[in-house]
Amino acid sequence: MSLAHVRIADIAQHDGQTVTLAGWLYNLRKSGKICFPILRDGSGIIQCVAVKANLPEETFEALKNLTQESSVKITGKVRAEQRATGGFELDVESCEILQRVPEETPYPITPKDHGIDFLMDHRHLWLRSRRQFAIGKVRHEVIKATRDYFDENGFTLVDCPIFTPAACEGTTTLFEVDYFEDEKVYLTQSGQLYNEANAMAFGKVYCFGPTFRAEKSKTRRHLTEFWMVEPEMAYATLEDVKELAEGLVCFIVQRVLANRRTELAILERDVSKLEAITGPFPRISYDEAVKILQRKGSEIEWGSDFGGTDETLLAEEFDRPVLVEKYPAQVKAFYFQPDSERPELALGVDMLAPEGYGEIIGGGQRIHDYDLLLKRIEEHHLPKEAFDWYLDLRRFGSVPHAGFGMGIERCVAWMCGLEHIRETIAYPRMLYRTRP
């Protein structure tokens, strides 16, 4: 794009100047000898004012008959207008139409209501709507805040592989891939195991990338491909995990509130709910959580993992995220360190978001004893040879260490107040959705 083009987001810097905007027709209003092309350029939306008396006839007619999502460059004078979205309008002086969408094959997404299947089939175009644009901007802010938090707190980003030889979160949700010479590998469920190795080299690390779960789930909280940030710390305990997780979430919320108020308003998000998110967060044990659930009518028994309904019932008790710790070891992964006082419990913690958004963070302290880890691998019927390198971490300088994973999409859904997680990522992958 030429440097002569101005972004709509920067329009306030050009009040009274003649500029050129390059974008797409978002909407068009017209009334006799005046028309109002509304332009979007990926940074914002602005209303342009085209007056027939001030333009060549062919220019005015072209603008008046412009079709939705046609690509166009419009040159005009920037004028402050308090009633306008963004506080400015553009008085049109000339335009260049790069591609006019034909009337016989109009842009398929119109202001009328469309079914969700139709919108998902046209996801590549639905992204242009104001709502999806706002969600994308909030997602960007969440990711940037996440990176900044770890970068500013002494963590090193170390990338982990997507092809892995073994399971991390259980063998039932693995996507198997044919590799070379008949070798089988799997799409990663988590970067955690590799991140433990990274922590022994760098001290405090995080990885950030796509993860995959072959769960045949159709709930509003599940995707088969999602992005996760996973910090890991050497010489750390469960307490360190809880403090780090709480600090991260508070940091993200404050950044979203500071930089994305406009987008939250488009989404009609009740920001008072986010403004209430301050530390310290309430902390309860799994034992306490079960008692709360039973009091509220849940049929859960001690020893069972929490379902989505259980998480929602628990979160209703609090106006901010709640940390639930020390689950039964039987419902946690093989690598969790057992509680020294009650070995049947794992030193793990889940953070449940308020407003029914469920678990957004899960983690805890890892087993650092070689013999105990080997025993757990055997108890879970995992192939020892696939974990030889992981056991090496307990052979050579093993120390207590801990970390967690945070799902970006669940965090974004909560920030935006979305009903379904499918809108939090540009191209969601779900049980029956792999296109576009």
Protein backbone atom coordinates (compact mmCIF):
# COMPACT_ATOMS: atom_id res chain seq x y z
CA MET A 1 0.00 0.00 0.00
CA SER A 2 1.29 3.49 -0.86
CA LEU A 3 2.49 5.68 1.98
CA ALA A 4 0.01 8.29 0.71
CA HIS A 5 -2.85 6.17 2.05
CA VAL A 6 -4.09 7.01 5.52
CA ARG A 7 -5.53 4.43 7.92
CA ILE A 8 -8.98 5.19 9.28
CA ALA A 9 -7.65 4.48 12.77
CA ASP A 10 -5.26 7.43 12.33
CA ILE A 11 -7.80 9.82 10.81
CA ALA A 12 -7.78 12.19 13.83
CA GLN A 13 -4.20 13.13 12.99
CA HIS A 14 -5.36 14.55 9.64
CA ASP A 15 -8.24 16.84 10.60
CA GLY A 16 -8.68 19.45 7.86
CA GLN A 17 -6.32 17.66 5.46
CA THR A 18 -7.04 15.99 2.14
CA VAL A 19 -6.20 12.29 2.33
CA THR A 20 -6.77 9.06 0.44
CA LEU A 21 -8.40 6.08 2.12
CA ALA A 22 -8.16 2.59 0.62
CA GLY A 23 -10.75 0.04 1.67
CA TRP A 24 -14.07 -1.62 0.99
CA LEU A 25 -17.65 -0.37 0.94
CA TYR A 26 -19.18 -1.48 4.23
CA ASN A 27 -22.57 0.15 3.66
CA LEU A 28 -24.21 2.90 1.59
CA ARG A 29 -26.92 5.42 2.36
CA LYS A 30 -28.24 7.80 -0.27
CA SER A 31 -30.76 10.59 -0.48
CA GLY A 32 -31.27 12.44 -3.76
CA LYS A 33 -28.25 14.62 -4.45
CA ILE A 34 -26.14 13.28 -1.63
CA CYS A 35 -24.88 9.81 -0.71
CA PHE A 36 -22.94 8.43 2.22
CA PRO A 37 -20.52 5.61 1.39
CA ILE A 38 -19.35 3.99 4.61
CA LEU A 39 -15.81 2.73 4.18
CA ARG A 40 -13.87 0.15 6.18
CA ASP A 41 -10.16 -0.49 5.78
CA GLY A 42 -9.29 -3.11 8.41
CA SER A 43 -8.43 -0.49 11.01
CA GLY A 44 -11.84 1.15 11.39
CA ILE A 45 -14.97 2.52 9.74
CA ILE A 46 -15.71 6.03 8.52
CA GLN A 47 -18.65 7.71 6.82
CA CYS A 48 -17.83 9.55 3.60
CA VAL A 49 -20.07 12.36 2.30
CA ALA A 50 -20.46 12.66 -1.48
CA VAL A 51 -22.37 15.73 -2.70
CA LYS A 52 -23.47 15.66 -6.34
CA ALA A 53 -22.85 19.38 -6.88
CA ASN A 54 -19.21 19.03 -5.80
CA LEU A 55 -18.29 16.04 -7.95
CA PRO A 56 -18.14 15.08 -11.64
CA GLU A 57 -21.42 13.39 -12.53
CA GLU A 58 -19.76 10.09 -13.37
CA THR A 59 -17.97 10.02 -9.98
CA PHE A 60 -21.18 10.70 -8.05
CA GLU A 61 -23.13 8.09 -10.04
CA ALA A 62 -20.39 5.50 -9.50
CA LEU A 63 -20.45 6.08 -5.75
CA LYS A 64 -24.24 6.17 -5.56
CA ASN A 65 -24.45 2.80 -7.30
CA LEU A 66 -21.53 1.15 -5.55
CA THR A 67 -22.20 -2.37 -4.28
CA GLN A 68 -21.41 -3.83 -0.87
CA GLU A 69 -17.76 -4.86 -0.36
CA SER A 70 -16.56 -3.28 -3.60
CA SER A 71 -12.92 -2.21 -3.24
CA VAL A 72 -12.33 1.51 -3.59
CA LYS A 73 -9.93 4.35 -2.92
CA ILE A 74 -11.61 7.57 -1.83
CA THR A 75 -9.87 10.94 -1.63
CA GLY A 76 -11.36 13.77 0.37
CA LYS A 77 -11.04 16.28 3.17
CA VAL A 78 -11.18 15.09 6.77
CA ARG A 79 -13.77 16.93 8.87
CA ALA A 80 -14.51 16.62 12.57
CA GLU A 81 -18.10 15.52 13.24
CA GLN A 82 -19.02 14.58 16.80
CA ARG A 83 -22.13 12.67 15.73
CA ALA A 84 -20.15 10.38 13.43
CA THR A 85 -18.64 7.04 14.42
CA GLY A 86 -15.06 7.82 15.38
CA GLY A 87 -15.74 11.56 15.45
CA PHE A 88 -14.80 12.32 11.83
CA GLU A 89 -16.21 12.22 8.30
CA LEU A 90 -14.61 12.49 4.87
CA ASP A 91 -15.93 14.98 2.30
CA VAL A 92 -15.40 13.17 -1.00
CA GLU A 93 -13.37 14.87 -3.74
CA SER A 94 -12.61 11.88 -5.99
CA CYS A 95 -12.63 8.09 -6.01
CA GLU A 96 -11.08 5.13 -7.77
CA ILE A 97 -13.02 1.87 -7.93
CA LEU A 98 -10.67 -1.09 -8.02
CA GLN A 99 -13.31 -3.81 -8.24
CA ARG A 100 -17.07 -3.42 -8.20
CA VAL A 101 -18.95 -6.43 -6.86
CA PRO A 102 -21.39 -7.43 -9.65
CA GLU A 103 -25.07 -6.94 -8.87
CA GLU A 104 -25.89 -10.34 -10.35
CA THR A 105 -23.59 -12.03 -7.77
CA PRO A 106 -23.94 -9.77 -4.72
CA TYR A 107 -21.99 -10.06 -1.50
CA PRO A 108 -23.76 -12.93 0.31
CA ILE A 109 -23.76 -11.52 3.87
CA THR A 110 -26.30 -8.73 4.12
CA PRO A 111 -27.69 -6.79 7.11
CA LYS A 112 -30.52 -9.32 7.43
CA ASP A 113 -30.32 -12.24 9.86
CA HIS A 114 -28.47 -15.33 8.64
CA GLY A 115 -28.36 -18.78 10.21
CA ILE A 116 -25.16 -19.82 11.97
CA ASP A 117 -24.44 -22.61 9.45
CA PHE A 118 -24.65 -20.10 6.60
CA LEU A 119 -22.33 -17.71 8.42
CA MET A 120 -19.86 -20.48 9.22
CA ASP A 121 -19.88 -21.64 5.60
CA HIS A 122 -18.99 -18.05 4.69
CA ARG A 123 -16.56 -17.54 7.57
CA HIS A 124 -13.93 -16.13 5.19
CA LEU A 125 -16.35 -13.27 4.47
CA TRP A 126 -18.09 -13.10 7.86
CA LEU A 127 -14.80 -11.92 9.34
CA ARG A 128 -15.47 -8.54 7.69
CA SER A 129 -18.47 -7.78 9.91
CA ARG A 130 -18.11 -5.31 12.77
CA ARG A 131 -18.78 -7.95 15.40
CA GLN A 132 -16.17 -10.38 14.10
CA PHE A 133 -13.74 -7.51 13.57
CA ALA A 134 -14.18 -6.49 17.22
CA ILE A 135 -13.64 -10.06 18.44
CA GLY A 136 -10.48 -10.34 16.35
CA LYS A 137 -9.12 -7.12 17.84
CA VAL A 138 -9.81 -8.32 21.39
CA ARG A 139 -8.09 -11.63 20.58
CA HIS A 140 -5.08 -9.72 19.33
CA GLU A 141 -5.01 -7.72 22.58
CA VAL A 142 -5.26 -10.88 24.70
CA ILE A 143 -2.36 -12.48 22.83
CA LYS A 144 -0.18 -9.36 22.95
CA ALA A 145 -0.87 -8.91 26.67
CA THR A 146 -0.03 -12.57 27.30
CA ARG A 147 3.31 -12.29 25.53
CA ASP A 148 4.12 -8.99 27.22
CA TYR A 149 3.33 -10.41 30.66
CA PHE A 150 5.75 -13.29 30.31
CA ASP A 151 8.40 -11.28 28.46
CA GLU A 152 8.35 -8.62 31.18
CA ASN A 153 8.60 -11.21 33.96
CA GLY A 154 11.79 -12.93 32.85
CA PHE A 155 10.34 -15.79 30.78
CA THR A 156 11.95 -16.99 27.55
CA LEU A 157 9.79 -18.09 24.62
CA VAL A 158 10.89 -21.55 23.45
CA ASP A 159 8.84 -23.15 20.66
CA CYS A 160 7.73 -26.75 21.04
CA PRO A 161 7.03 -29.30 18.28
CA ILE A 162 3.59 -29.90 16.80
CA PHE A 163 4.49 -33.45 15.71
CA THR A 164 5.05 -35.54 18.85
CA PRO A 165 5.79 -39.25 19.43
CA ALA A 166 3.56 -39.64 22.49
CA ALA A 167 0.51 -38.43 24.36
CA CYS A 168 0.57 -35.71 26.98
CA GLU A 169 -3.09 -35.45 28.03
CA GLY A 170 -4.19 -39.05 27.47
CA THR A 171 -4.25 -41.39 24.48
CA THR A 172 -7.97 -41.15 23.71
CA THR A 173 -7.86 -37.64 22.22
CA LEU A 174 -4.87 -37.95 19.89
CA PHE A 175 -4.87 -37.08 16.19
CA GLU A 176 -2.64 -39.68 14.52
CA VAL A 177 -0.54 -38.66 11.52
CA ASP A 178 1.36 -40.83 9.01
CA TYR A 179 5.00 -39.80 9.10
CA PHE A 180 7.90 -41.10 7.00
CA GLU A 181 8.58 -44.83 6.51
CA ASP A 182 5.38 -45.97 8.20
CA GLU A 183 6.16 -44.12 11.44
CA LYS A 184 3.16 -42.84 13.39
CA VAL A 185 3.26 -39.47 15.13
CA TYR A 186 0.59 -37.31 16.75
CA LEU A 187 -0.53 -33.70 16.66
CA THR A 188 0.44 -32.12 19.96
CA GLN A 189 -2.08 -31.92 22.79
CA SER A 190 0.26 -29.66 24.75
CA GLY A 191 3.81 -28.35 24.68
CA GLN A 192 4.20 -29.06 28.39
CA LEU A 193 6.51 -32.09 28.38
CA TYR A 194 8.99 -30.34 26.09
CA ASN A 195 8.57 -27.17 28.08
CA GLU A 196 9.70 -28.99 31.21
CA ALA A 197 12.96 -29.75 29.40
CA ASN A 198 13.18 -26.13 28.30
CA ALA A 199 12.73 -24.93 31.89
CA MET A 200 15.72 -27.01 32.98
CA ALA A 201 17.79 -25.08 30.45
CA PHE A 202 16.34 -21.55 30.73
CA GLY A 203 14.74 -21.50 34.20
CA LYS A 204 11.47 -19.78 33.24
CA VAL A 205 9.98 -20.44 29.80
CA TYR A 206 6.75 -20.36 27.86
CA CYS A 207 5.57 -21.85 24.60
CA PHE A 208 2.69 -20.52 22.55
CA GLY A 209 1.08 -22.32 19.66
CA PRO A 210 -1.71 -24.49 18.28
CA THR A 211 -2.75 -27.63 20.13
CA PHE A 212 -5.10 -30.41 19.08
CA ARG A 213 -7.64 -32.62 20.87
CA ALA A 214 -9.60 -35.33 19.08
CA GLU A 215 -12.55 -35.01 21.41
CA LYS A 216 -15.92 -35.75 19.84
CA SER A 217 -17.43 -32.85 21.72
CA LYS A 218 -20.01 -30.40 20.43
CA THR A 219 -20.18 -28.11 23.45
CA ARG A 220 -19.87 -24.34 23.19
CA ARG A 221 -16.49 -24.52 24.96
CA HIS A 222 -14.63 -26.98 22.72
CA LEU A 223 -12.58 -26.78 19.54
CA THR A 224 -10.43 -29.54 18.04
CA GLU A 225 -7.68 -27.01 17.21
CA PHE A 226 -6.98 -24.20 19.64
CA TRP A 227 -4.11 -21.97 20.81
CA MET A 228 -2.54 -22.35 24.20
CA VAL A 229 0.13 -20.49 26.15
CA GLU A 230 2.09 -22.68 28.55
CA PRO A 231 4.59 -21.28 31.06
CA GLU A 232 6.89 -23.63 32.97
CA MET A 233 9.21 -22.79 35.89
CA ALA A 234 12.13 -24.66 37.45
CA TYR A 235 12.38 -24.58 41.24
CA ALA A 236 8.67 -23.84 41.49
CA THR A 237 5.66 -25.22 43.34
CA LEU A 238 1.87 -25.20 43.14
CA GLU A 239 1.85 -21.86 44.99
CA ASP A 240 4.01 -20.30 42.29
CA VAL A 241 1.58 -21.51 39.63
CA LYS A 242 -1.39 -19.93 41.40
CA GLU A 243 0.37 -16.59 41.78
CA LEU A 244 1.56 -16.54 38.17
CA ALA A 245 -1.87 -17.50 36.79
CA GLU A 246 -3.64 -14.83 38.84
CA GLY A 247 -1.12 -12.18 37.75
CA LEU A 248 -1.51 -13.13 34.08
CA VAL A 249 -5.31 -12.93 34.10
CA CYS A 250 -5.37 -9.59 35.93
CA PHE A 251 -2.82 -8.22 33.44
CA ILE A 252 -4.87 -9.37 30.44
CA VAL A 253 -8.12 -7.94 31.78
CA GLN A 254 -6.54 -4.55 32.47
CA ARG A 255 -5.00 -4.38 29.00
CA VAL A 256 -8.28 -5.27 27.29
CA LEU A 257 -10.13 -2.65 29.33
CA ALA A 258 -7.46 -0.05 28.60
CA ASN A 259 -7.15 -0.61 24.84
CA ARG A 260 -10.35 -2.27 23.57
CA ARG A 261 -13.26 -0.31 25.03
CA THR A 262 -14.54 0.50 21.53
CA GLU A 263 -14.59 -3.18 20.56
CA LEU A 264 -16.22 -4.22 23.83
CA ALA A 265 -18.94 -1.62 23.18
CA ILE A 266 -19.57 -3.07 19.70
CA LEU A 267 -19.96 -6.48 21.35
CA GLU A 268 -22.27 -4.95 24.00
CA ARG A 269 -20.03 -6.42 26.69
CA ASP A 270 -20.91 -5.50 30.27
CA VAL A 271 -17.51 -4.05 31.18
CA SER A 272 -18.46 -3.74 34.86
CA LYS A 273 -18.06 -7.52 35.03
CA LEU A 274 -14.47 -7.19 33.82
CA GLU A 275 -13.73 -4.18 35.99
CA ALA A 276 -14.48 -6.35 39.02
CA ILE A 277 -11.61 -8.69 38.13
CA THR A 278 -8.93 -7.83 40.67
CA GLY A 279 -6.73 -9.96 42.89
CA PRO A 280 -6.57 -11.80 45.08
CA PHE A 281 -8.79 -14.48 43.57
CA PRO A 282 -10.70 -16.85 45.88
CA ARG A 283 -8.98 -20.20 46.39
CA ILE A 284 -10.80 -23.36 47.41
CA SER A 285 -9.90 -27.04 47.58
CA TYR A 286 -11.50 -29.75 45.49
CA ASP A 287 -13.06 -31.04 48.73
CA GLU A 288 -14.70 -27.65 49.34
CA ALA A 289 -15.82 -27.43 45.71
CA VAL A 290 -17.60 -30.79 45.93
CA LYS A 291 -19.46 -29.67 49.05
CA ILE A 292 -20.54 -26.44 47.33
CA LEU A 293 -21.79 -28.38 44.31
CA GLN A 294 -23.70 -30.89 46.39
CA ARG A 295 -25.29 -28.04 48.33
CA LYS A 296 -26.40 -26.54 45.02
CA GLY A 297 -28.05 -29.76 43.87
CA SER A 298 -25.30 -31.41 41.83
CA GLU A 299 -25.12 -35.20 41.97
CA ILE A 300 -21.31 -35.17 41.83
CA GLU A 301 -19.50 -37.59 44.12
CA TRP A 302 -16.02 -37.17 45.54
CA GLY A 303 -13.48 -38.52 43.06
CA SER A 304 -15.27 -37.36 39.90
CA ASP A 305 -13.98 -34.65 37.62
CA PHE A 306 -16.06 -31.53 37.08
CA GLY A 307 -18.22 -31.19 33.98
CA GLY A 308 -19.18 -27.91 32.34
CA THR A 309 -22.35 -27.60 34.43
CA ASP A 310 -20.36 -28.16 37.64
CA GLU A 311 -17.86 -25.46 36.66
CA THR A 312 -20.69 -23.03 35.98
CA LEU A 313 -22.37 -23.77 39.32
CA LEU A 314 -19.10 -23.20 41.16
CA ALA A 315 -18.31 -19.96 39.33
CA GLU A 316 -21.75 -18.56 40.26
CA GLU A 317 -20.49 -18.29 43.83
CA PHE A 318 -17.86 -15.71 42.91
CA ASP A 319 -17.60 -12.40 40.99
CA ARG A 320 -14.07 -13.14 39.80
CA PRO A 321 -12.12 -16.25 38.78
CA VAL A 322 -11.82 -18.96 41.41
CA LEU A 323 -8.83 -21.29 41.84
CA VAL A 324 -9.75 -24.90 42.67
CA GLU A 325 -6.79 -26.95 43.86
CA LYS A 326 -5.78 -30.47 44.88
CA TYR A 327 -7.98 -32.70 42.73
CA PRO A 328 -8.01 -36.50 43.12
CA ALA A 329 -4.95 -37.87 41.34
CA GLN A 330 -7.18 -40.32 39.45
CA VAL A 331 -8.74 -37.51 37.36
CA LYS A 332 -5.44 -35.80 36.56
CA ALA A 333 -2.63 -36.61 34.12
CA PHE A 334 0.19 -38.98 35.02
CA TYR A 335 2.80 -36.26 35.60
CA PHE A 336 1.16 -34.44 38.57
CA GLN A 337 3.10 -34.39 41.85
CA PRO A 338 1.06 -36.00 44.67
CA ASP A 339 0.28 -34.08 47.84
CA SER A 340 2.77 -35.10 50.54
CA GLU A 341 0.04 -35.11 53.22
CA ARG A 342 -2.64 -36.82 51.13
CA PRO A 343 -1.01 -38.83 48.31
CA GLU A 344 -4.41 -39.54 46.75
CA LEU A 345 -4.53 -35.85 45.77
CA ALA A 346 -2.59 -34.18 42.95
CA LEU A 347 -0.92 -30.80 43.35
CA GLY A 348 -2.94 -29.36 40.51
CA VAL A 349 -5.11 -26.28 40.13
CA ASP A 350 -7.80 -25.09 37.70
CA MET A 351 -8.90 -21.51 37.28
CA LEU A 352 -12.61 -21.18 36.55
CA ALA A 353 -13.78 -17.95 34.94
CA PRO A 354 -16.97 -16.26 36.16
CA GLU A 355 -20.19 -15.88 34.14
CA GLY A 356 -20.24 -19.53 33.12
CA TYR A 357 -17.08 -19.59 31.00
CA GLY A 358 -15.55 -22.54 32.79
CA GLU A 359 -11.91 -23.57 33.04
CA ILE A 360 -9.48 -21.17 31.37
CA ILE A 361 -6.28 -22.31 33.09
CA GLY A 362 -5.14 -25.72 34.26
CA GLY A 363 -1.79 -26.70 35.71
CA GLY A 364 0.21 -27.56 38.78
CA GLN A 365 3.39 -29.08 40.12
CA ARG A 366 5.10 -31.88 38.15
CA ILE A 367 6.57 -35.11 39.49
CA HIS A 368 10.33 -34.63 39.88
CA ASP A 369 11.20 -38.07 41.30
CA TYR A 370 12.38 -40.57 38.67
CA ASP A 371 10.99 -43.73 40.29
CA LEU A 372 7.56 -42.21 40.94
CA LEU A 373 7.29 -40.85 37.39
CA LEU A 374 8.24 -44.23 35.94
CA LYS A 375 5.60 -45.88 38.11
CA ARG A 376 2.94 -43.41 36.89
CA ILE A 377 3.87 -44.04 33.24
CA GLU A 378 3.46 -47.78 33.79
CA GLU A 379 0.16 -47.33 35.67
CA HIS A 380 -1.23 -45.31 32.75
CA HIS A 381 -0.07 -48.00 30.28
CA LEU A 382 2.05 -45.51 28.36
CA PRO A 383 4.98 -46.70 26.19
CA LYS A 384 8.14 -46.19 28.28
CA GLU A 385 10.35 -45.86 25.20
CA ALA A 386 8.39 -42.78 24.09
CA PHE A 387 9.17 -41.11 27.42
CA ASP A 388 12.87 -41.98 27.77
CA TRP A 389 13.88 -38.41 27.07
CA TYR A 390 11.26 -37.13 29.54
CA LEU A 391 12.63 -39.45 32.23
CA ASP A 392 16.09 -38.05 31.53
CA LEU A 393 14.93 -34.78 33.09
CA ARG A 394 14.64 -36.70 36.38
CA ARG A 395 18.02 -38.41 35.91
CA PHE A 396 20.06 -35.27 35.38
CA GLY A 397 19.54 -32.47 37.89
CA SER A 398 15.86 -32.96 38.71
CA VAL A 399 14.20 -30.18 40.71
CA PRO A 400 10.63 -29.34 41.75
CA HIS A 401 9.02 -27.55 38.84
CA ALA A 402 5.56 -26.36 37.84
CA GLY A 403 3.51 -24.67 35.16
CA PHE A 404 0.13 -24.32 33.51
CA GLY A 405 -1.70 -23.93 30.23
CA MET A 406 -4.20 -21.21 29.30
CA GLY A 407 -6.53 -21.63 26.33
CA ILE A 408 -6.59 -18.40 24.34
CA GLU A 409 -10.04 -19.02 22.84
CA ARG A 410 -11.74 -19.59 26.19
CA CYS A 411 -10.10 -16.45 27.55
CA VAL A 412 -11.26 -14.44 24.52
CA ALA A 413 -14.80 -15.81 24.81
CA TRP A 414 -14.89 -14.59 28.40
CA MET A 415 -13.40 -11.17 27.60
CA CYS A 416 -15.93 -10.64 24.80
CA GLY A 417 -18.91 -12.21 26.57
CA LEU A 418 -19.51 -14.68 23.72
CA GLU A 419 -22.00 -17.51 23.86
CA HIS A 420 -19.89 -19.90 21.74
CA ILE A 421 -16.16 -20.37 21.36
CA ARG A 422 -16.39 -20.75 17.56
CA GLU A 423 -16.31 -16.96 17.10
CA THR A 424 -13.02 -16.52 18.96
CA ILE A 425 -10.75 -17.81 16.17
CA ALA A 426 -10.76 -16.88 12.51
CA TYR A 427 -11.30 -20.41 11.16
CA PRO A 428 -12.65 -22.71 13.90
CA ARG A 429 -12.12 -26.44 13.67
CA MET A 430 -14.89 -28.42 15.32
CA LEU A 431 -16.29 -31.95 15.21
CA TYR A 432 -18.16 -31.35 11.93
CA ARG A 433 -16.43 -28.21 10.72
CA THR A 434 -13.17 -28.12 8.75
CA ARG A 435 -14.13 -25.61 6.02
CA PRO A 436 -13.43 -22.97 4.98
